Protein backbone atom coordinates (compact mmCIF):
# COMPACT_ATOMS: atom_id res chain seq x y z
CA MET A 1 -21.27 11.34 -1.29
CA ALA A 2 -21.65 14.50 -3.28
CA LYS A 3 -19.51 14.89 -6.42
CA LYS A 4 -16.43 16.78 -5.59
CA ARG A 5 -15.48 19.93 -7.61
CA ILE A 6 -11.73 20.21 -8.42
CA ALA A 7 -10.06 23.16 -10.33
CA VAL A 8 -7.41 21.66 -12.47
CA GLU A 9 -4.89 24.11 -14.40
CA SER A 10 -5.57 24.19 -18.15
CA THR A 11 -2.16 22.70 -18.85
CA LEU A 12 -3.05 19.26 -17.25
CA GLY A 13 -5.31 17.78 -19.84
CA ASN A 14 -4.54 14.01 -18.99
CA PHE A 15 -5.12 14.85 -15.32
CA ARG A 16 -8.36 16.61 -15.95
CA ASP A 17 -9.59 13.78 -18.28
CA TYR A 18 -8.71 11.25 -15.81
CA LEU A 19 -10.45 12.79 -12.79
CA THR A 20 -13.58 13.52 -14.92
CA GLU A 21 -13.65 9.70 -15.66
CA LYS A 22 -13.50 9.05 -11.87
CA GLY A 23 -16.53 11.09 -11.35
CA TYR A 24 -15.13 14.54 -10.30
CA GLU A 25 -16.53 17.81 -11.42
CA ILE A 26 -13.78 19.55 -13.08
CA VAL A 27 -13.28 23.49 -13.33
CA GLN A 28 -10.67 24.99 -15.68
CA LEU A 29 -8.01 26.97 -13.96
CA ASP A 30 -5.83 29.29 -15.90
CA PRO A 31 -3.42 30.80 -13.47
CA HIS A 32 -2.63 33.63 -15.93
CA THR A 33 -6.42 34.84 -16.16
CA GLN A 34 -7.61 33.76 -12.63
CA THR A 35 -10.04 36.16 -10.85
CA GLY A 36 -10.91 33.83 -8.12
CA ILE A 37 -14.38 33.09 -9.48
CA GLU A 38 -13.46 29.69 -10.88
CA LEU A 39 -11.95 28.65 -7.45
CA LYS A 40 -15.64 29.44 -5.78
CA ASN A 41 -16.99 26.24 -4.00
CA CYS A 42 -13.93 24.09 -4.98
CA ASP A 43 -13.03 21.21 -2.95
CA ALA A 44 -9.19 21.09 -4.33
CA ILE A 45 -7.06 22.81 -6.64
CA VAL A 46 -4.54 20.99 -9.04
CA VAL A 47 -1.58 22.90 -10.36
CA SER A 48 1.44 21.74 -12.46
CA GLY A 49 3.89 23.86 -10.31
CA GLN A 50 5.29 25.46 -13.51
CA ASP A 51 4.17 29.06 -12.30
CA GLU A 52 5.77 29.17 -9.05
CA ASP A 53 7.69 32.53 -8.46
CA LEU A 54 11.34 32.71 -7.47
CA MET A 55 10.67 32.65 -4.05
CA GLY A 56 8.82 29.41 -4.30
CA MET A 57 5.49 30.84 -3.56
CA ASN A 58 2.30 30.33 -5.36
CA THR A 59 -0.04 33.12 -5.97
CA ILE A 60 -3.18 31.11 -5.86
CA LYS A 61 -5.32 32.10 -2.93
CA THR A 62 -8.14 29.62 -1.62
CA GLU A 63 -8.90 27.76 1.35
CA ALA A 64 -9.17 24.50 -0.71
CA PRO A 65 -6.11 22.24 -0.66
CA VAL A 66 -3.63 22.97 -3.48
CA ILE A 67 -2.02 19.80 -4.98
CA ASP A 68 1.25 20.25 -7.01
CA THR A 69 1.39 17.36 -9.69
CA ARG A 70 5.05 17.55 -10.48
CA GLY A 71 6.37 14.21 -10.66
CA MET A 72 2.88 12.38 -10.26
CA THR A 73 0.98 10.18 -12.69
CA PRO A 74 -2.96 10.79 -12.86
CA GLU A 75 -3.20 7.69 -10.62
CA GLN A 76 -1.02 9.23 -7.84
CA LEU A 77 -2.96 12.37 -8.03
CA LEU A 78 -6.43 10.68 -7.27
CA ASN A 79 -4.80 8.78 -4.57
CA ARG A 80 -3.49 12.11 -3.10
CA ILE A 81 -6.78 13.74 -3.71
CA GLU A 82 -8.91 10.90 -1.82
CA GLN A 83 -6.20 11.03 1.02
CA THR A 84 -6.84 14.78 1.44
CA PHE A 85 -10.40 14.34 1.36
CA LYS A 86 -10.47 11.64 4.08
CA SER A 87 -8.18 13.97 6.37
CA ILE A 88 -10.30 16.99 6.09
């Protein structure tokens, strides 16, 4: 299986490090400077959920699944990612 490419919000260093240890290719995602280029060819997007607007809408535009890590441990995130890839 090819290495999956995951964009991880820059504030989520512990999640980034854990996913790197598990063999995922990580791209840094900074929601304040995103141009969409860093999302190209990503298999999933991992966000903290801290940048939701008042309506609860997220501004990230991608066809890849977006996973919100609020309340998750790195292990729970890995499980969610693996389940997501199985269902695609």
